[in-house]
């Protein structure tokens, strides 16, 4: 059996019978390198290192900072589709390539990255 990448997401908004829900999951074969590492994102927009991965199928980024948010985007100007990760929040991405950028607010931020 090949190595696999598994991901899932479930969202429920509302209470009781007044609720909207959605869920999705994915399974991909892992071909090549995978990483799980800490990375520091500074106050100036810069590339996020996905060492050894040229075309990731899945990238998970989690903000490990207890106080400061961090922005993630696909362009260095942070104007493509900026996603702000509040402290403790994470995001699962299926990027078209390995070029992702980050920019912290307030102070440099430590993020946990899982990619393959």
N, C-alpha and C. Protein backbone atom coordinates (compact mmCIF):
# COMPACT_ATOMS: atom_id res chain seq x y z
N UNK A 1 0.84 -1.18 0.00
CA UNK A 1 0.00 0.00 0.00
C UNK A 1 0.88 1.24 0.00
N UNK A 2 0.52 2.20 -0.80
CA UNK A 2 1.26 3.46 -0.88
C UNK A 2 0.99 4.30 0.36
N UNK A 3 1.92 5.21 0.64
CA UNK A 3 1.68 6.17 1.72
C UNK A 3 0.53 7.06 1.30
N UNK A 4 -0.30 7.46 2.27
CA UNK A 4 -1.47 8.25 1.94
C UNK A 4 -1.49 9.57 2.71
N UNK A 5 -2.17 10.53 2.12
CA UNK A 5 -2.49 11.79 2.77
C UNK A 5 -4.00 11.75 3.02
N UNK A 6 -4.41 11.91 4.26
CA UNK A 6 -5.82 11.92 4.60
C UNK A 6 -6.17 13.28 5.20
N UNK A 7 -7.28 13.84 4.81
CA UNK A 7 -7.72 15.12 5.36
C UNK A 7 -9.22 15.16 5.43
N UNK A 8 -9.75 15.86 6.43
CA UNK A 8 -11.19 16.01 6.52
C UNK A 8 -11.55 17.32 7.21
N UNK A 9 -12.76 17.76 6.94
CA UNK A 9 -13.25 19.00 7.52
C UNK A 9 -14.75 18.87 7.70
N UNK A 10 -15.24 19.28 8.84
CA UNK A 10 -16.69 19.27 9.09
C UNK A 10 -17.05 20.58 9.76
N UNK A 11 -18.10 21.22 9.27
CA UNK A 11 -18.53 22.51 9.79
C UNK A 11 -20.02 22.45 10.11
N UNK A 12 -20.39 23.00 11.25
CA UNK A 12 -21.79 23.12 11.63
C UNK A 12 -21.99 24.50 12.22
N UNK A 13 -22.91 25.27 11.65
CA UNK A 13 -23.17 26.64 12.10
C UNK A 13 -24.64 26.74 12.49
N UNK A 14 -24.89 27.18 13.70
CA UNK A 14 -26.26 27.32 14.18
C UNK A 14 -26.51 26.45 15.39
N UNK A 15 -27.80 26.34 15.77
CA UNK A 15 -28.18 25.51 16.90
C UNK A 15 -29.48 24.77 16.59
N UNK A 16 -29.67 23.64 17.25
CA UNK A 16 -30.90 22.88 17.11
C UNK A 16 -31.24 22.57 15.67
N UNK A 17 -32.48 22.86 15.27
CA UNK A 17 -32.90 22.59 13.90
C UNK A 17 -32.52 23.72 12.94
N UNK A 18 -32.08 24.85 13.48
CA UNK A 18 -31.66 25.99 12.68
C UNK A 18 -30.14 25.90 12.47
N UNK A 19 -29.73 24.95 11.64
CA UNK A 19 -28.31 24.66 11.49
C UNK A 19 -27.96 24.41 10.03
N UNK A 20 -26.79 24.86 9.65
CA UNK A 20 -26.23 24.60 8.33
C UNK A 20 -24.97 23.78 8.54
N UNK A 21 -24.82 22.69 7.80
CA UNK A 21 -23.65 21.85 7.96
C UNK A 21 -23.01 21.56 6.62
N UNK A 22 -21.77 21.20 6.66
CA UNK A 22 -21.03 20.79 5.47
C UNK A 22 -19.84 19.97 5.89
N UNK A 23 -19.46 19.00 5.07
CA UNK A 23 -18.26 18.24 5.37
C UNK A 23 -17.62 17.75 4.08
N UNK A 24 -16.35 17.52 4.15
CA UNK A 24 -15.59 17.03 3.00
C UNK A 24 -14.40 16.23 3.51
N UNK A 25 -13.94 15.31 2.71
CA UNK A 25 -12.74 14.58 3.05
C UNK A 25 -11.96 14.31 1.77
N UNK A 26 -10.70 14.00 1.94
CA UNK A 26 -9.86 13.70 0.79
C UNK A 26 -8.87 12.61 1.15
N UNK A 27 -8.51 11.84 0.15
CA UNK A 27 -7.46 10.84 0.27
C UNK A 27 -6.61 10.95 -0.98
N UNK A 28 -5.32 11.12 -0.80
CA UNK A 28 -4.38 11.24 -1.92
C UNK A 28 -3.21 10.30 -1.67
N UNK A 29 -2.66 9.72 -2.72
CA UNK A 29 -1.42 8.97 -2.59
C UNK A 29 -0.27 9.95 -2.42
N UNK A 30 0.60 9.67 -1.49
CA UNK A 30 1.78 10.50 -1.28
C UNK A 30 2.87 10.01 -2.21
N UNK A 31 3.31 10.88 -3.10
CA UNK A 31 4.39 10.56 -4.01
C UNK A 31 5.53 11.52 -3.70
N UNK A 32 6.68 11.00 -3.29
CA UNK A 32 7.81 11.86 -2.99
C UNK A 32 7.89 12.23 -1.52
N UNK A 33 8.33 13.44 -1.29
CA UNK A 33 8.67 13.92 0.05
C UNK A 33 7.45 14.42 0.82
N UNK A 34 7.51 14.27 2.14
CA UNK A 34 6.53 14.90 3.01
C UNK A 34 7.28 15.58 4.14
N UNK A 35 6.67 16.59 4.74
CA UNK A 35 7.31 17.28 5.85
C UNK A 35 6.31 17.52 6.97
N UNK A 36 6.84 17.65 8.14
CA UNK A 36 6.11 18.10 9.32
C UNK A 36 7.12 18.92 10.09
N UNK A 37 6.99 20.23 10.07
CA UNK A 37 8.03 21.05 10.69
C UNK A 37 7.51 22.38 11.17
N UNK A 38 8.24 22.95 12.13
CA UNK A 38 7.96 24.31 12.59
C UNK A 38 8.64 25.29 11.64
N UNK A 39 8.02 26.45 11.48
CA UNK A 39 8.56 27.49 10.61
C UNK A 39 8.20 28.83 11.22
N UNK A 40 9.13 29.77 11.20
CA UNK A 40 8.86 31.10 11.72
C UNK A 40 8.51 32.04 10.59
N UNK A 41 7.37 32.71 10.72
CA UNK A 41 6.92 33.71 9.75
C UNK A 41 7.15 35.08 10.36
N UNK A 42 7.87 35.94 9.64
CA UNK A 42 8.23 37.26 10.14
C UNK A 42 7.21 38.33 9.80
N UNK A 43 7.57 39.57 10.11
CA UNK A 43 6.68 40.71 9.91
C UNK A 43 6.65 41.22 8.47
N UNK A 44 7.57 40.75 7.64
CA UNK A 44 7.61 41.10 6.22
C UNK A 44 7.19 39.88 5.43
N UNK A 45 6.32 40.04 4.44
CA UNK A 45 5.86 38.92 3.62
C UNK A 45 7.04 38.21 2.99
N UNK A 46 7.07 36.89 3.11
CA UNK A 46 8.16 36.08 2.56
C UNK A 46 7.64 34.68 2.27
N UNK A 47 8.38 33.96 1.43
CA UNK A 47 8.00 32.59 1.07
C UNK A 47 8.05 31.67 2.28
N UNK A 48 7.13 30.73 2.32
CA UNK A 48 7.10 29.69 3.35
C UNK A 48 7.83 28.48 2.77
N UNK A 49 8.82 27.99 3.51
CA UNK A 49 9.65 26.88 3.02
C UNK A 49 8.91 25.55 3.10
N UNK A 50 8.74 24.92 1.96
CA UNK A 50 8.24 23.55 1.89
C UNK A 50 9.39 22.70 1.37
N UNK A 51 10.40 22.55 2.18
CA UNK A 51 11.66 21.93 1.80
C UNK A 51 11.48 20.58 1.12
N UNK A 52 11.97 20.49 -0.11
CA UNK A 52 11.96 19.25 -0.87
C UNK A 52 10.65 18.94 -1.58
N UNK A 53 9.65 19.81 -1.45
CA UNK A 53 8.36 19.56 -2.08
C UNK A 53 8.14 20.58 -3.19
N UNK A 54 7.99 20.11 -4.42
CA UNK A 54 7.81 21.03 -5.54
C UNK A 54 6.34 21.18 -5.93
N UNK A 55 5.55 20.12 -5.79
CA UNK A 55 4.13 20.20 -6.10
C UNK A 55 3.35 19.49 -5.00
N UNK A 56 3.02 20.20 -3.94
CA UNK A 56 2.31 19.55 -2.84
C UNK A 56 0.85 19.26 -3.21
N UNK A 57 0.36 18.13 -2.75
CA UNK A 57 -1.06 17.82 -2.93
C UNK A 57 -1.88 18.45 -1.82
N UNK A 58 -1.30 18.51 -0.63
CA UNK A 58 -1.98 19.06 0.53
C UNK A 58 -0.97 19.79 1.42
N UNK A 59 -1.38 20.96 1.93
CA UNK A 59 -0.56 21.71 2.90
C UNK A 59 -1.47 22.13 4.06
N UNK A 60 -1.05 21.78 5.28
CA UNK A 60 -1.76 22.22 6.48
C UNK A 60 -0.84 23.18 7.23
N UNK A 61 -1.36 24.35 7.59
CA UNK A 61 -0.59 25.34 8.34
C UNK A 61 -1.39 25.72 9.58
N UNK A 62 -0.75 25.63 10.74
CA UNK A 62 -1.39 25.99 12.01
C UNK A 62 -0.59 27.06 12.73
N UNK A 63 -1.25 28.12 13.16
CA UNK A 63 -0.62 29.21 13.91
C UNK A 63 -0.42 28.75 15.35
N UNK A 64 0.83 28.61 15.79
CA UNK A 64 1.14 28.14 17.14
C UNK A 64 1.34 29.29 18.12
N UNK A 65 1.25 30.52 17.65
CA UNK A 65 1.46 31.68 18.52
C UNK A 65 0.23 31.89 19.41
N UNK A 66 0.43 32.20 20.70
CA UNK A 66 -0.71 32.40 21.60
C UNK A 66 -1.37 33.77 21.46
N UNK A 67 -0.74 34.72 20.76
CA UNK A 67 -1.23 36.10 20.73
C UNK A 67 -1.44 36.68 19.35
N UNK A 68 -0.52 36.43 18.43
CA UNK A 68 -0.49 37.16 17.15
C UNK A 68 -1.05 36.36 15.97
N UNK A 69 -1.81 37.04 15.10
CA UNK A 69 -2.30 36.39 13.88
C UNK A 69 -1.22 36.35 12.80
N UNK A 70 -1.47 35.55 11.78
CA UNK A 70 -0.57 35.44 10.64
C UNK A 70 -1.41 35.33 9.37
N UNK A 71 -0.94 35.96 8.29
CA UNK A 71 -1.63 35.88 7.00
C UNK A 71 -0.91 34.90 6.10
N UNK A 72 -1.68 34.12 5.34
CA UNK A 72 -1.15 33.17 4.36
C UNK A 72 -1.76 33.55 3.01
N UNK A 73 -0.94 33.52 1.94
CA UNK A 73 -1.45 33.88 0.62
C UNK A 73 -0.61 33.18 -0.45
N UNK A 74 -1.05 33.30 -1.71
CA UNK A 74 -0.31 32.71 -2.82
C UNK A 74 0.52 33.74 -3.58
N UNK A 75 0.48 35.01 -3.15
CA UNK A 75 1.32 36.05 -3.75
C UNK A 75 1.98 36.87 -2.64
N UNK A 76 3.18 37.36 -2.90
CA UNK A 76 3.94 38.07 -1.87
C UNK A 76 3.30 39.38 -1.45
N UNK A 77 2.45 39.96 -2.30
CA UNK A 77 1.79 41.21 -1.94
C UNK A 77 0.64 40.98 -0.95
N UNK A 78 0.32 39.72 -0.67
CA UNK A 78 -0.75 39.33 0.24
C UNK A 78 -2.10 39.85 -0.26
N UNK A 79 -2.27 39.86 -1.60
CA UNK A 79 -3.50 40.38 -2.19
C UNK A 79 -4.19 39.36 -3.10
N UNK A 80 -3.75 38.11 -3.09
CA UNK A 80 -4.38 37.08 -3.92
C UNK A 80 -5.64 36.54 -3.29
N UNK A 81 -5.50 35.81 -2.22
CA UNK A 81 -6.61 35.29 -1.42
C UNK A 81 -6.17 35.21 0.03
N UNK A 82 -5.81 36.32 0.65
CA UNK A 82 -5.24 36.29 1.99
C UNK A 82 -6.15 35.63 3.02
N UNK A 83 -5.57 34.71 3.77
CA UNK A 83 -6.26 34.01 4.84
C UNK A 83 -5.59 34.39 6.15
N UNK A 84 -6.33 34.94 7.09
CA UNK A 84 -5.76 35.31 8.39
C UNK A 84 -6.02 34.19 9.38
N UNK A 85 -4.94 33.65 9.91
CA UNK A 85 -5.03 32.60 10.93
C UNK A 85 -4.85 33.25 12.29
N UNK A 86 -5.92 33.25 13.09
CA UNK A 86 -5.83 33.75 14.45
C UNK A 86 -5.01 32.77 15.28
N UNK A 87 -4.55 33.17 16.47
CA UNK A 87 -3.78 32.25 17.32
C UNK A 87 -4.50 30.91 17.49
N UNK A 88 -3.78 29.82 17.23
CA UNK A 88 -4.32 28.48 17.38
C UNK A 88 -5.10 27.96 16.18
N UNK A 89 -5.39 28.81 15.21
CA UNK A 89 -6.18 28.39 14.04
C UNK A 89 -5.30 27.74 12.99
N UNK A 90 -5.91 26.88 12.18
CA UNK A 90 -5.19 26.22 11.11
C UNK A 90 -5.99 26.25 9.82
N UNK A 91 -5.31 25.92 8.71
CA UNK A 91 -5.97 25.91 7.40
C UNK A 91 -5.40 24.76 6.58
N UNK A 92 -6.28 24.06 5.88
CA UNK A 92 -5.90 22.97 4.99
C UNK A 92 -6.03 23.47 3.56
N UNK A 93 -4.93 23.44 2.82
CA UNK A 93 -4.88 23.97 1.46
C UNK A 93 -4.54 22.88 0.46
N UNK A 94 -5.04 23.05 -0.76
CA UNK A 94 -4.65 22.20 -1.88
C UNK A 94 -4.10 23.12 -2.96
N UNK A 95 -2.88 23.65 -2.75
CA UNK A 95 -2.34 24.67 -3.65
C UNK A 95 -1.95 24.10 -5.01
N UNK A 96 -1.94 24.99 -6.01
CA UNK A 96 -1.54 24.60 -7.36
C UNK A 96 -0.03 24.40 -7.47
N UNK A 97 0.73 25.04 -6.56
CA UNK A 97 2.18 24.86 -6.54
C UNK A 97 2.68 25.09 -5.12
N UNK A 98 3.98 24.99 -4.93
CA UNK A 98 4.55 25.09 -3.59
C UNK A 98 4.88 26.51 -3.17
N UNK A 99 4.44 27.51 -3.94
CA UNK A 99 4.76 28.89 -3.60
C UNK A 99 3.66 29.48 -2.73
N UNK A 100 3.91 29.51 -1.43
CA UNK A 100 3.00 30.12 -0.46
C UNK A 100 3.79 31.17 0.31
N UNK A 101 3.10 32.20 0.76
CA UNK A 101 3.75 33.30 1.47
C UNK A 101 3.05 33.54 2.80
N UNK A 102 3.81 34.04 3.75
CA UNK A 102 3.25 34.35 5.05
C UNK A 102 3.73 35.69 5.55
N UNK A 103 2.91 36.32 6.41
CA UNK A 103 3.26 37.60 7.00
C UNK A 103 2.59 37.66 8.38
N UNK A 104 3.40 37.86 9.41
CA UNK A 104 2.88 37.94 10.77
C UNK A 104 2.48 39.37 11.11
N UNK A 105 1.63 39.50 12.12
CA UNK A 105 1.20 40.79 12.62
C UNK A 105 1.57 40.90 14.09
N UNK A 106 2.26 41.97 14.47
CA UNK A 106 2.61 42.19 15.88
C UNK A 106 3.98 41.69 16.25
N UNK A 107 4.29 40.44 15.91
CA UNK A 107 5.58 39.83 16.20
C UNK A 107 5.72 38.60 15.31
N UNK A 108 6.96 38.13 15.09
CA UNK A 108 7.13 36.89 14.32
C UNK A 108 6.33 35.75 14.95
N UNK A 109 5.80 34.88 14.10
CA UNK A 109 4.90 33.81 14.53
C UNK A 109 5.47 32.45 14.15
N UNK A 110 5.38 31.50 15.05
CA UNK A 110 5.76 30.11 14.78
C UNK A 110 4.53 29.38 14.25
N UNK A 111 4.68 28.70 13.10
CA UNK A 111 3.61 27.89 12.55
C UNK A 111 4.07 26.45 12.43
N UNK A 112 3.12 25.53 12.47
CA UNK A 112 3.38 24.12 12.23
C UNK A 112 2.89 23.83 10.83
N UNK A 113 3.75 23.21 10.01
CA UNK A 113 3.42 22.91 8.61
C UNK A 113 3.50 21.41 8.39
N UNK A 114 2.46 20.87 7.79
CA UNK A 114 2.46 19.49 7.34
C UNK A 114 2.13 19.53 5.85
N UNK A 115 2.98 18.95 5.04
CA UNK A 115 2.78 19.01 3.59
C UNK A 115 3.26 17.72 2.93
N UNK A 116 2.62 17.39 1.84
CA UNK A 116 3.04 16.22 1.08
C UNK A 116 2.41 16.22 -0.28
